[in-house]
Protein backbone atom coordinates (compact mmCIF):
# COMPACT_ATOMS: atom_id res chain seq x y z
CA MET A 1 67.11 -151.82 -17.83
CA VAL A 2 70.34 -149.84 -17.59
CA SER A 3 68.94 -147.20 -19.95
CA VAL A 4 65.76 -147.00 -17.88
CA ALA A 5 67.90 -146.34 -14.79
CA VAL A 6 69.78 -143.51 -16.44
CA SER A 7 66.52 -142.09 -17.78
CA LEU A 8 65.30 -141.53 -14.20
CA ILE A 9 68.10 -139.14 -13.34
CA ILE A 10 68.13 -137.43 -16.74
CA VAL A 11 64.38 -136.80 -16.61
CA ASP A 12 64.70 -135.37 -13.12
CA ALA A 13 67.49 -133.06 -14.24
CA THR A 14 65.14 -131.49 -16.80
CA ILE A 15 61.61 -132.11 -15.49
CA VAL A 16 61.96 -129.32 -12.95
CA ASN A 17 62.65 -126.68 -15.62
CA VAL A 18 59.02 -126.12 -16.63
CA ALA A 19 57.91 -126.30 -12.99
CA ILE A 20 60.16 -123.42 -11.89
CA PRO A 21 57.54 -120.64 -12.30
CA SER A 22 55.06 -122.65 -10.20
CA ILE A 23 57.74 -123.33 -7.57
CA VAL A 24 58.58 -119.60 -7.46
CA ALA A 25 54.92 -118.72 -6.94
CA ASP A 26 54.32 -121.41 -4.32
CA LEU A 27 57.50 -121.21 -2.25
CA GLY A 28 58.44 -117.59 -2.95
CA ILE A 29 62.04 -118.31 -3.95
CA ASP A 30 64.18 -115.68 -5.69
CA SER A 31 66.21 -116.00 -8.89
CA THR A 32 69.39 -117.03 -7.06
CA GLN A 33 67.49 -119.84 -5.34
CA VAL A 34 66.06 -120.78 -8.75
CA GLN A 35 69.59 -121.42 -9.94
CA TRP A 36 70.38 -123.36 -6.77
CA VAL A 37 67.33 -125.59 -7.22
CA GLN A 38 68.98 -126.64 -10.47
CA GLU A 39 72.59 -126.45 -9.36
CA SER A 40 72.32 -128.25 -6.00
CA TYR A 41 71.44 -131.45 -7.84
CA THR A 42 74.05 -131.04 -10.56
CA LEU A 43 76.75 -129.93 -8.13
CA VAL A 44 76.60 -132.99 -5.88
CA PHE A 45 76.09 -135.17 -8.93
CA ALA A 46 79.27 -133.88 -10.58
CA SER A 47 81.30 -133.90 -7.37
CA LEU A 48 80.66 -137.54 -6.49
CA LEU A 49 80.59 -139.25 -9.89
CA LEU A 50 84.30 -140.05 -9.67
CA VAL A 51 83.96 -141.46 -6.18
CA PHE A 52 81.12 -143.82 -7.02
CA GLY A 53 82.52 -144.68 -10.45
CA VAL A 54 85.58 -146.12 -8.70
CA ALA A 55 83.71 -147.54 -5.70
CA ALA A 56 81.26 -149.45 -7.89
CA ASP A 57 84.11 -151.49 -9.37
CA ARG A 58 84.86 -152.78 -5.87
CA TRP A 59 81.39 -152.91 -4.28
CA GLY A 60 79.62 -154.32 -7.31
CA ARG A 61 78.09 -152.26 -10.09
CA ARG A 62 74.52 -153.51 -9.74
CA ARG A 63 74.61 -153.11 -5.95
CA THR A 64 75.81 -149.51 -6.24
CA MET A 65 73.13 -148.74 -8.82
CA LEU A 66 70.40 -150.18 -6.57
CA ILE A 67 71.57 -148.13 -3.57
CA GLY A 68 71.54 -145.06 -5.78
CA ILE A 69 67.99 -145.75 -7.00
CA VAL A 70 66.71 -146.11 -3.43
CA THR A 71 68.51 -142.94 -2.31
CA PHE A 72 67.17 -141.05 -5.30
CA ALA A 73 63.61 -142.19 -4.62
CA ALA A 74 63.77 -141.14 -0.94
CA ALA A 75 65.17 -137.74 -1.88
CA SER A 76 62.44 -137.28 -4.49
CA LEU A 77 59.81 -137.86 -1.83
CA LEU A 78 61.44 -135.21 0.38
CA ALA A 79 61.47 -132.78 -2.56
CA ALA A 80 57.78 -133.41 -3.23
CA LEU A 81 56.97 -132.58 0.40
CA ALA A 82 59.38 -129.60 0.71
CA PRO A 83 57.76 -126.71 2.66
CA SER A 84 60.35 -124.09 1.63
CA GLY A 85 62.98 -123.26 -0.93
CA ALA A 86 65.76 -124.26 1.46
CA ALA A 87 64.15 -127.67 2.06
CA LEU A 88 63.74 -128.20 -1.67
CA ILE A 89 67.39 -127.35 -2.30
CA GLY A 90 68.40 -129.78 0.46
CA ALA A 91 66.34 -132.56 -1.11
CA ARG A 92 67.91 -131.83 -4.48
CA LEU A 93 71.35 -132.23 -2.89
CA LEU A 94 70.35 -135.70 -1.72
CA GLN A 95 68.97 -136.49 -5.18
CA GLY A 96 72.38 -135.62 -6.59
CA LEU A 97 73.93 -138.19 -4.24
CA GLY A 98 71.65 -140.92 -5.57
CA GLY A 99 72.17 -139.85 -9.17
CA ALA A 100 75.94 -139.97 -8.73
CA MET A 101 75.63 -143.64 -7.79
CA ILE A 102 73.44 -144.46 -10.78
CA LEU A 103 75.02 -142.82 -13.82
CA PRO A 104 78.63 -144.11 -13.76
CA THR A 105 77.49 -147.62 -12.87
CA THR A 106 75.22 -147.74 -15.94
CA LEU A 107 78.14 -146.91 -18.21
CA SER A 108 80.42 -149.32 -16.37
CA ILE A 109 77.85 -152.13 -16.69
CA ILE A 110 77.63 -151.54 -20.44
CA ASN A 111 81.41 -151.42 -20.78
CA ALA A 112 81.84 -154.67 -18.82
CA THR A 113 78.90 -156.57 -20.34
CA PHE A 114 78.94 -155.87 -24.08
CA ARG A 115 81.61 -156.55 -26.70
CA GLY A 116 82.33 -155.54 -30.28
CA ARG A 117 79.43 -154.29 -32.37
CA GLU A 118 76.97 -154.87 -29.52
CA ARG A 119 78.87 -152.40 -27.38
CA GLY A 120 78.53 -149.69 -30.00
CA ILE A 121 74.80 -150.34 -30.19
CA ALA A 122 74.52 -150.28 -26.40
CA PHE A 123 76.32 -146.94 -26.20
CA ALA A 124 74.03 -145.58 -28.92
CA VAL A 125 70.92 -146.66 -26.99
CA TRP A 126 72.35 -145.21 -23.78
CA GLY A 127 73.19 -141.87 -25.42
CA SER A 128 69.91 -141.62 -27.27
CA THR A 129 68.11 -142.24 -23.99
CA ILE A 130 69.90 -139.25 -22.48
CA GLY A 131 69.01 -137.01 -25.40
CA GLY A 132 65.40 -138.18 -25.59
CA MET A 133 64.66 -138.15 -21.86
CA ALA A 134 66.26 -134.73 -21.44
CA ALA A 135 63.63 -133.44 -23.84
CA LEU A 136 60.68 -135.53 -22.60
CA GLY A 137 61.32 -134.41 -19.02
CA PRO A 138 59.86 -130.92 -19.57
CA LEU A 139 56.73 -132.40 -21.21
CA LEU A 140 56.15 -134.74 -18.29
CA GLY A 141 56.89 -131.93 -15.83
CA GLY A 142 54.48 -129.60 -17.63
CA TRP A 143 51.67 -132.14 -17.56
CA LEU A 144 52.17 -132.95 -13.88
CA THR A 145 52.46 -129.28 -12.90
CA ASP A 146 49.32 -128.20 -14.78
CA SER A 147 47.18 -131.23 -13.99
CA PHE A 148 48.25 -131.75 -10.39
CA SER A 149 51.11 -129.76 -8.81
CA TRP A 150 54.81 -129.12 -9.30
CA ARG A 151 55.29 -131.49 -6.35
CA TRP A 152 54.28 -134.41 -8.54
CA ALA A 153 57.25 -133.66 -10.78
CA PHE A 154 59.24 -135.21 -7.92
CA GLY A 155 56.55 -137.48 -6.47
CA ILE A 156 56.40 -139.57 -9.62
CA ASN A 157 59.92 -140.90 -9.04
CA PRO A 158 59.42 -143.29 -6.05
CA PRO A 159 56.92 -145.65 -7.74
CA ILE A 160 59.09 -145.73 -10.89
CA ALA A 161 62.11 -146.50 -8.70
CA VAL A 162 60.33 -149.52 -7.19
CA LEU A 163 59.83 -151.00 -10.67
CA MET A 164 63.46 -150.29 -11.53
CA VAL A 165 64.74 -152.09 -8.43
CA VAL A 166 62.69 -155.16 -9.33
CA GLY A 167 63.87 -155.02 -12.95
CA ALA A 168 67.53 -154.65 -11.98
CA LEU A 169 67.35 -157.62 -9.63
CA LEU A 170 65.77 -159.74 -12.36
CA TRP A 171 67.71 -158.74 -15.47
CA VAL A 172 71.00 -157.05 -14.55
CA ASP A 173 73.90 -159.31 -13.58
CA GLU A 174 76.21 -158.25 -10.78
CA SER A 175 79.74 -157.44 -11.91
CA ARG A 176 82.92 -156.11 -10.35
CA SER A 177 86.58 -155.83 -11.30
CA GLU A 178 89.36 -157.83 -9.72
CA GLY A 179 91.91 -155.65 -7.99
CA ALA A 180 89.75 -152.53 -8.30
CA ARG A 181 91.36 -149.47 -6.79
CA ARG A 182 90.43 -148.20 -3.32
CA THR A 183 88.82 -144.79 -2.94
CA ASP A 184 91.12 -141.95 -1.86
CA LEU A 185 88.87 -140.07 0.55
CA VAL A 186 91.10 -136.99 0.75
CA SER A 187 91.06 -136.61 -3.03
CA ALA A 188 87.30 -137.15 -2.97
CA ALA A 189 86.94 -134.30 -0.49
CA LEU A 190 89.20 -132.07 -2.61
CA SER A 191 87.08 -132.76 -5.71
CA VAL A 192 83.89 -131.82 -3.83
CA VAL A 193 85.47 -128.57 -2.60
CA THR A 194 86.77 -127.78 -6.09
CA PHE A 195 83.43 -128.11 -7.83
CA GLY A 196 81.36 -126.68 -4.98
CA THR A 197 83.34 -123.47 -4.59
CA LEU A 198 83.55 -122.98 -8.36
CA VAL A 199 79.78 -123.19 -8.87
CA PHE A 200 79.10 -121.10 -5.75
CA GLY A 201 81.26 -118.30 -7.11
CA LEU A 202 79.66 -118.36 -10.55
CA ILE A 203 76.09 -118.33 -9.23
CA GLU A 204 76.50 -115.89 -6.34
CA GLY A 205 78.65 -113.33 -8.14
CA ARG A 206 75.76 -111.14 -9.27
CA SER A 207 74.12 -111.31 -5.80
CA LEU A 208 77.16 -110.90 -3.54
CA GLY A 209 79.45 -108.93 -5.85
CA TRP A 210 82.15 -110.19 -8.17
CA TRP A 211 84.95 -108.36 -6.33
CA THR A 212 83.64 -106.15 -3.52
CA THR A 213 80.73 -107.18 -1.32
CA LEU A 214 77.47 -105.50 -2.30
CA ASP A 215 75.72 -103.53 0.43
CA GLY A 216 73.43 -105.77 2.45
CA ALA A 217 74.18 -108.73 0.22
CA ALA A 218 75.87 -110.91 2.82
CA ASP A 219 75.34 -110.17 6.51
CA TRP A 220 77.38 -113.27 7.31
CA TRP A 221 80.42 -111.88 5.44
CA PRO A 222 81.94 -108.82 7.20
CA PHE A 223 84.75 -108.09 4.72
CA ALA A 224 84.88 -105.58 1.86
CA LEU A 225 86.31 -108.25 -0.43
CA SER A 226 83.41 -110.33 -1.71
CA PRO A 227 83.31 -114.05 -0.82
CA VAL A 228 83.03 -114.78 -4.54
CA PRO A 229 86.72 -114.26 -5.50
CA VAL A 230 87.69 -116.09 -2.31
CA SER A 231 85.49 -119.02 -3.33
CA LEU A 232 86.96 -119.10 -6.84
CA ALA A 233 90.50 -118.96 -5.43
CA VAL A 234 89.73 -121.89 -3.13
CA SER A 235 88.45 -123.79 -6.17
CA VAL A 236 91.70 -123.25 -8.06
CA LEU A 237 93.85 -124.23 -5.07
CA SER A 238 91.74 -127.33 -4.38
CA ALA A 239 92.00 -128.42 -8.00
CA ALA A 240 95.78 -128.00 -7.92
CA ALA A 241 95.99 -129.96 -4.67
CA PHE A 242 93.79 -132.71 -6.16
CA VAL A 243 96.05 -133.14 -9.18
CA ARG A 244 99.26 -132.92 -7.13
CA ARG A 245 98.07 -135.45 -4.57
CA GLY A 246 96.88 -137.84 -7.26
CA ARG A 247 100.10 -137.68 -9.25
CA ARG A 248 102.24 -138.20 -6.14
CA ARG A 249 100.18 -141.15 -4.90
CA GLU A 250 100.25 -142.73 -8.33
CA ALA A 251 104.04 -142.39 -8.48
CA ARG A 252 104.28 -144.20 -5.12
CA GLY A 253 101.97 -146.99 -6.25
CA LEU A 254 99.13 -145.91 -3.95
CA PRO A 255 95.47 -145.89 -5.00
CA THR A 256 94.12 -142.67 -6.52
CA LEU A 257 90.60 -141.42 -7.10
CA ILE A 258 91.16 -141.53 -10.84
CA PRO A 259 93.90 -143.34 -12.73
CA PHE A 260 95.91 -140.46 -14.13
CA GLU A 261 97.57 -142.78 -16.61
CA LEU A 262 94.26 -142.88 -18.48
CA PHE A 263 94.94 -139.33 -19.59
CA THR A 264 97.89 -140.62 -21.61
CA ILE A 265 95.26 -142.23 -23.88
CA THR A 266 94.63 -139.62 -26.55
CA SER A 267 91.00 -140.52 -27.18
CA PHE A 268 90.20 -140.43 -23.46
CA ARG A 269 92.02 -137.17 -22.71
CA ASN A 270 90.83 -135.15 -25.70
CA GLY A 271 87.36 -136.65 -25.59
CA ASN A 272 86.88 -135.54 -21.99
CA VAL A 273 87.87 -131.98 -22.85
CA ALA A 274 85.37 -131.95 -25.70
CA ALA A 275 82.64 -133.52 -23.52
CA LEU A 276 83.04 -130.85 -20.84
CA VAL A 277 82.87 -127.90 -23.22
CA VAL A 278 80.01 -129.34 -25.26
CA SER A 279 77.94 -130.10 -22.15
CA LEU A 280 78.46 -126.54 -20.98
CA GLY A 281 76.59 -125.31 -24.01
CA GLU A 282 74.13 -128.19 -24.38
CA PHE A 283 71.80 -128.12 -21.41
CA GLY A 284 72.28 -124.69 -19.81
CA LEU A 285 69.67 -123.27 -22.20
CA LEU A 286 67.00 -125.54 -20.69
CA LEU A 287 67.00 -123.24 -17.65
CA SER A 288 66.22 -120.03 -19.53
CA LEU A 289 63.91 -121.19 -22.31
CA PRO A 290 60.99 -122.44 -20.12
CA ILE A 291 61.12 -119.21 -18.11
CA TRP A 292 60.87 -117.19 -21.32
CA LEU A 293 58.10 -119.33 -22.82
CA GLN A 294 55.91 -119.02 -19.73
CA ASN A 295 56.57 -115.44 -18.65
CA VAL A 296 56.93 -113.73 -22.03
CA LEU A 297 54.75 -115.78 -24.37
CA GLY A 298 52.31 -116.68 -21.60
CA TYR A 299 52.37 -120.46 -22.16
CA ASP A 300 51.42 -122.73 -19.30
CA ALA A 301 53.69 -125.52 -18.10
CA LEU A 302 52.14 -128.19 -20.34
CA GLN A 303 52.29 -126.00 -23.45
CA THR A 304 55.92 -125.30 -22.62
CA GLY A 305 56.56 -129.03 -22.37
CA TRP A 306 54.98 -129.59 -25.79
CA VAL A 307 57.25 -126.96 -27.32
CA LEU A 308 60.32 -128.56 -25.78
CA VAL A 309 59.28 -132.01 -26.99
CA ALA A 310 60.70 -130.93 -30.35
CA LEU A 311 64.04 -131.70 -28.74
CA ALA A 312 62.91 -135.29 -28.23
CA GLY A 313 61.78 -135.49 -31.84
CA GLY A 314 65.17 -134.37 -33.08
CA SER A 315 66.97 -136.77 -30.75
CA PHE A 316 64.71 -139.65 -31.83
CA VAL A 317 65.47 -139.02 -35.50
CA ALA A 318 69.18 -138.80 -34.68
CA SER A 319 69.10 -142.17 -32.89
CA GLY A 320 67.94 -143.78 -36.11
CA ALA A 321 70.55 -142.01 -38.20
CA ALA A 322 73.52 -142.21 -35.85
CA GLN A 323 74.57 -145.79 -36.49
CA ALA A 324 74.42 -145.51 -40.27
CA LEU A 325 76.19 -142.16 -40.23
CA THR A 326 78.91 -143.50 -37.94
CA GLN A 327 79.55 -146.44 -40.23
CA ARG A 328 79.79 -144.06 -43.16
CA ILE A 329 81.95 -141.25 -41.80
CA GLY A 330 83.20 -142.50 -38.42
CA ALA A 331 82.39 -141.71 -34.78
CA VAL A 332 84.44 -138.52 -34.46
CA ALA A 333 83.00 -137.02 -37.63
CA THR A 334 79.50 -137.91 -36.43
CA VAL A 335 80.19 -136.06 -33.18
CA ARG A 336 81.26 -133.01 -35.17
CA VAL A 337 78.12 -133.11 -37.32
CA GLY A 338 76.05 -133.32 -34.15
CA ILE A 339 77.75 -130.37 -32.49
CA ALA A 340 77.44 -128.32 -35.68
CA ALA A 341 73.69 -129.03 -35.70
CA GLU A 342 73.48 -127.91 -32.07
CA ILE A 343 75.23 -124.66 -32.91
CA VAL A 344 72.76 -123.97 -35.71
CA GLY A 345 69.80 -124.80 -33.47
CA VAL A 346 70.87 -122.83 -30.40
CA GLY A 347 72.32 -119.88 -32.31
CA GLY A 348 69.18 -119.71 -34.46
CA LEU A 349 67.02 -119.61 -31.34
CA GLY A 350 68.82 -116.48 -30.27
CA PHE A 351 67.59 -114.76 -33.42
CA ALA A 352 64.16 -116.42 -33.55
CA ILE A 353 62.85 -115.53 -30.11
CA THR A 354 61.06 -112.20 -29.74
CA PRO A 355 58.16 -111.07 -27.52
CA GLU A 356 55.89 -111.68 -30.55
CA SER A 357 57.24 -115.16 -31.33
CA THR A 358 55.04 -118.24 -31.46
CA TRP A 359 55.85 -121.91 -31.07
CA THR A 360 56.20 -122.23 -34.84
CA THR A 361 59.27 -119.99 -34.83
CA VAL A 362 60.92 -121.88 -31.97
CA VAL A 363 60.19 -125.54 -32.70
CA PRO A 364 62.30 -125.92 -35.90
CA PHE A 365 65.43 -124.72 -34.13
CA LEU A 366 64.72 -126.94 -31.11
CA PHE A 367 64.36 -129.92 -33.46
CA VAL A 368 67.74 -129.20 -35.07
CA TYR A 369 69.24 -128.74 -31.61
CA GLY A 370 67.80 -132.08 -30.42
CA PHE A 371 69.05 -133.80 -33.57
CA GLY A 372 72.55 -132.58 -32.79
CA VAL A 373 72.35 -133.70 -29.15
CA GLY A 374 71.25 -137.16 -30.25
CA LEU A 375 74.13 -137.50 -32.70
CA ALA A 376 76.86 -136.12 -30.48
CA THR A 377 76.10 -137.60 -27.06
CA ALA A 378 76.32 -141.34 -27.70
CA GLN A 379 79.20 -141.23 -30.15
CA LEU A 380 81.30 -138.94 -27.97
CA THR A 381 80.88 -141.38 -25.10
CA GLY A 382 82.10 -144.22 -27.31
CA VAL A 383 85.11 -142.17 -28.46
CA VAL A 384 86.09 -141.34 -24.87
CA LEU A 385 85.94 -144.97 -23.68
CA GLN A 386 87.05 -146.84 -26.80
CA ASP A 387 90.63 -147.49 -25.66
CA VAL A 388 90.03 -147.76 -21.89
CA PRO A 389 90.92 -151.11 -20.22
CA VAL A 390 87.85 -152.93 -18.91
CA GLU A 391 89.12 -153.11 -15.32
CA GLU A 392 89.28 -149.30 -15.31
CA SER A 393 85.80 -148.90 -16.80
CA GLY A 394 84.25 -147.62 -13.57
CA ALA A 395 86.90 -144.95 -13.08
CA ALA A 396 86.86 -144.03 -16.77
CA SER A 397 83.09 -143.81 -17.05
CA GLY A 398 82.97 -141.82 -13.83
CA THR A 399 85.59 -139.42 -15.20
CA GLN A 400 83.82 -138.83 -18.52
CA SER A 401 80.45 -138.49 -16.75
CA THR A 402 82.03 -136.00 -14.38
CA SER A 403 83.35 -134.02 -17.34
CA ARG A 404 79.82 -133.83 -18.73
CA GLN A 405 78.27 -132.92 -15.40
CA ILE A 406 80.88 -130.28 -14.64
CA GLY A 407 80.05 -128.83 -18.04
CA SER A 408 76.33 -128.96 -17.27
CA ALA A 409 76.85 -127.35 -13.87
CA LEU A 410 78.96 -124.60 -15.36
CA GLY A 411 76.38 -124.17 -18.11
CA ILE A 412 73.54 -123.65 -15.64
CA ALA A 413 75.67 -121.31 -13.53
CA ILE A 414 77.08 -119.25 -16.41
CA LEU A 415 74.03 -119.17 -18.69
CA GLY A 416 71.72 -118.56 -15.73
CA THR A 417 73.89 -115.62 -14.71
CA VAL A 418 73.88 -114.35 -18.31
CA LEU A 419 70.08 -114.63 -18.40
CA PHE A 420 69.38 -112.77 -15.18
CA ALA A 421 72.22 -110.26 -15.42
CA GLY A 422 71.30 -109.49 -19.04
CA THR A 423 67.63 -109.06 -18.15
CA SER A 424 68.49 -106.82 -15.21
CA ALA A 425 70.85 -104.57 -17.17
CA ASP A 426 68.52 -104.25 -20.15
CA LEU A 427 65.43 -103.48 -18.06
CA ASP A 428 67.30 -100.95 -15.94
CA ALA A 429 68.51 -99.18 -19.09
CA ARG A 430 65.01 -99.12 -20.62
CA LEU A 431 63.46 -97.65 -17.49
CA ALA A 432 66.28 -95.13 -17.14
CA ASP A 433 65.66 -93.93 -20.71
CA GLN A 434 62.04 -93.30 -19.73
CA GLY A 435 63.10 -91.19 -16.76
CA VAL A 436 62.01 -93.61 -14.05
CA PRO A 437 63.68 -92.66 -10.72
CA ALA A 438 66.50 -94.92 -9.55
CA ALA A 439 64.69 -96.18 -6.43
CA GLN A 440 61.58 -97.15 -8.39
CA ARG A 441 63.74 -98.61 -11.13
CA ASP A 442 65.57 -100.86 -8.67
CA GLU A 443 62.28 -102.01 -7.19
CA VAL A 444 60.86 -103.04 -10.57
CA VAL A 445 64.06 -104.70 -11.77
CA SER A 446 64.41 -106.64 -8.52
CA ALA A 447 60.78 -107.79 -8.68
CA VAL A 448 61.13 -109.04 -12.25
CA VAL A 449 64.53 -110.70 -11.85
CA ASP A 450 63.99 -112.19 -8.37
CA SER A 451 60.73 -113.77 -9.56
CA SER A 452 62.46 -115.08 -12.70
CA GLY A 453 59.94 -113.10 -14.74
CA GLY A 454 56.93 -114.19 -12.68
CA ALA A 455 56.16 -110.58 -11.72
CA ILE A 456 55.48 -109.65 -15.36
CA ALA A 457 51.90 -110.96 -15.25
CA GLY A 458 51.12 -108.79 -12.23
CA LEU A 459 52.61 -105.71 -13.88
CA ALA A 460 50.57 -106.39 -17.03
CA ALA A 461 47.33 -106.73 -15.06
CA ASP A 462 47.66 -103.20 -13.66
CA PRO A 463 46.97 -100.51 -16.32
CA ALA A 464 49.40 -98.19 -14.55
CA THR A 465 52.29 -100.59 -15.06
CA ALA A 466 51.27 -102.26 -18.34
CA ASP A 467 53.99 -100.39 -20.24
CA VAL A 468 56.56 -101.53 -17.70
CA ALA A 469 55.39 -105.11 -18.27
CA ASP A 470 56.09 -104.70 -21.98
CA ASP A 471 59.58 -103.46 -21.18
CA ALA A 472 60.09 -106.42 -18.85
CA ARG A 473 59.07 -108.84 -21.60
CA GLU A 474 61.52 -107.21 -23.99
CA SER A 475 64.28 -107.39 -21.39
CA LEU A 476 63.64 -111.01 -20.45
CA THR A 477 63.69 -111.83 -24.16
CA ARG A 478 66.99 -110.03 -24.51
CA GLY A 479 68.44 -111.95 -21.57
CA THR A 480 67.27 -115.22 -23.11
CA GLN A 481 68.88 -114.26 -26.41
CA TYR A 482 72.16 -113.55 -24.65
CA SER A 483 71.92 -116.94 -22.96
CA ALA A 484 71.31 -118.71 -26.29
CA TRP A 485 74.21 -116.97 -27.99
CA ALA A 486 76.50 -117.74 -25.07
CA ALA A 487 75.49 -121.41 -25.32
CA ALA A 488 76.23 -121.37 -29.05
CA GLY A 489 79.61 -119.85 -28.33
CA PHE A 490 80.54 -122.65 -25.94
CA LEU A 491 79.37 -125.22 -28.47
CA VAL A 492 81.70 -123.64 -31.04
CA LEU A 493 84.54 -124.15 -28.56
CA GLY A 494 83.40 -127.74 -28.13
CA LEU A 495 83.48 -128.27 -31.88
CA LEU A 496 87.00 -126.89 -32.01
CA ALA A 497 87.96 -129.22 -29.15
CA THR A 498 86.93 -132.25 -31.23
CA LEU A 499 89.55 -131.29 -33.82
CA SER A 500 92.15 -132.65 -31.39
CA LEU A 501 90.57 -136.10 -31.39
CA GLY A 502 92.53 -138.76 -33.30
CA ARG A 503 91.59 -139.91 -36.75
CA ARG A 504 91.74 -143.60 -35.85
CA GLU A 505 88.29 -145.13 -36.17
CA ASP A 506 87.37 -148.69 -35.21
CA ASP A 507 83.72 -147.88 -34.43
CA GLY A 508 83.24 -150.57 -31.85
CA GLU A 509 85.23 -153.32 -33.54
CA ARG A 510 87.94 -152.98 -30.99
CA ASP A 511 86.83 -153.56 -27.42
CA PRO A 512 87.85 -151.03 -24.82
CA GLY A 513 90.42 -152.68 -22.68
CA GLN A 514 92.30 -154.77 -25.18
CA GLY A 515 95.60 -153.41 -23.99
CA SER A 516 96.36 -156.25 -21.56
CA ALA A 517 96.23 -160.01 -21.84
CA THR A 518 95.44 -160.32 -18.16
CA ASP A 519 92.39 -158.04 -17.99
CA ARG A 520 89.45 -159.71 -16.25
CA THR A 521 85.94 -158.75 -15.23
CA THR A 522 83.82 -161.10 -13.14
CA VAL A 523 80.11 -161.47 -13.83
CA GLU A 524 78.11 -163.37 -11.22
CA GLY A 525 81.35 -164.92 -9.97
CA LYS A 526 82.45 -166.16 -13.40
CA GLU A 527 85.59 -164.94 -15.05
CA ALA A 528 85.15 -163.33 -18.45
CA PRO A 529 87.45 -164.43 -21.26
CA PRO A 530 90.74 -162.54 -21.32
CA THR A 531 91.20 -159.87 -23.91
CA SER A 532 94.10 -159.97 -26.30
CA THR A 533 96.63 -157.33 -27.09
CA HIS A 534 96.75 -155.35 -30.32
């Protein structure tokens, strides 16, 4: 049931990818709004994971998950009925709020419920669900978009949520931790500001200007200095204030948003760094690839979903191999094998995709990529949490989930910017080489980029602009290649980050939280047996 709950938010994070061209055509949103449709969800999700990871330990983990499911379902209904891009982005923000309640509580429930070998299996199922549903989301979204409307990509969530609420009430026990820490609201606000201003700067840089404000780009901003560097500076200052406040409150014995002492645990600290960097490269590509498949190769949404289902196939195969491989070589080594497979898959895509490509050239690399995601995701989660005390499981799971979501948010922001900026620069250069006047050049480039490639079909239909359409396809392909190679580069950094992880391997035989003889977790009012010290 817990894996079903997490599947809802993971599917929604990816289901919208193949629907983007239809959303662009229906609501008339530009490429910056395209990124915000993705980012608004991820941004709120990442910003509030820590808050709800801690709060769930006090409120009750099942209760928090149920509130999140209801919130998510209501927001999905609003998204399905959205009359404009702004309304859709607003609904996605609310979805992020519900998702932030669901994800950390699922990990915390697993950490508090299972022991020993069963915990390793539970983490493997949880991680494989993430990998598999991330890939199945585009297929489901493609079918709903082609057969009905992109709105059903969101409208399908409420009835599923009803079944999940019933299932959680029947089969998931309530649990909470004694003496769970209170939420530090000031630190929570600082974390939201930190992540929000960081993502805003990364997404809006190409539209507003990275240093000086572009002409006509921001009527609400009267200064020559662009709001982008200001936003990034606020992010840095907020992050510094967050850490300083947390350390000072911890030294005085006051509650903090996250227990900073957890970062003295090597596996937790180094694992979070690796999780952030890996996530940056993992899912950012799922923004650019559907756009390329539909607007360059001419696939419809369902065909695009079928291509991306190769990811699910790779993840499914990995789920069967992960446990045996972990027992043979250890969890950390399995993570490294998974990341290496991702690098091969994503980097290979950068070379495989051309305007003349077919699904047969793309699918093998997607399969390898999915195989790597399936191997790395679950085992990295286990490595991060393996030495965390049970009473801190909510805070710890919220922290590691936040690391992943920050990475995903940065991936969408950075790789989306690489995609559109690369496409824009390449198309402008191609048209300039052909002697196209600057004004006409800007008009064509803006049409192609702002429509996320949707304007290519219209250019191709007009004999007078058919050659320009060919150039646009080449340029969008080039931008997608840049995005794939950038993703591979971040994954290389993630692989290097895993080299700092310790060599100690217990692979689930040691329960997280065995550092104190007085640790307790209550389940349905009953006290769990105390853990023993090592």
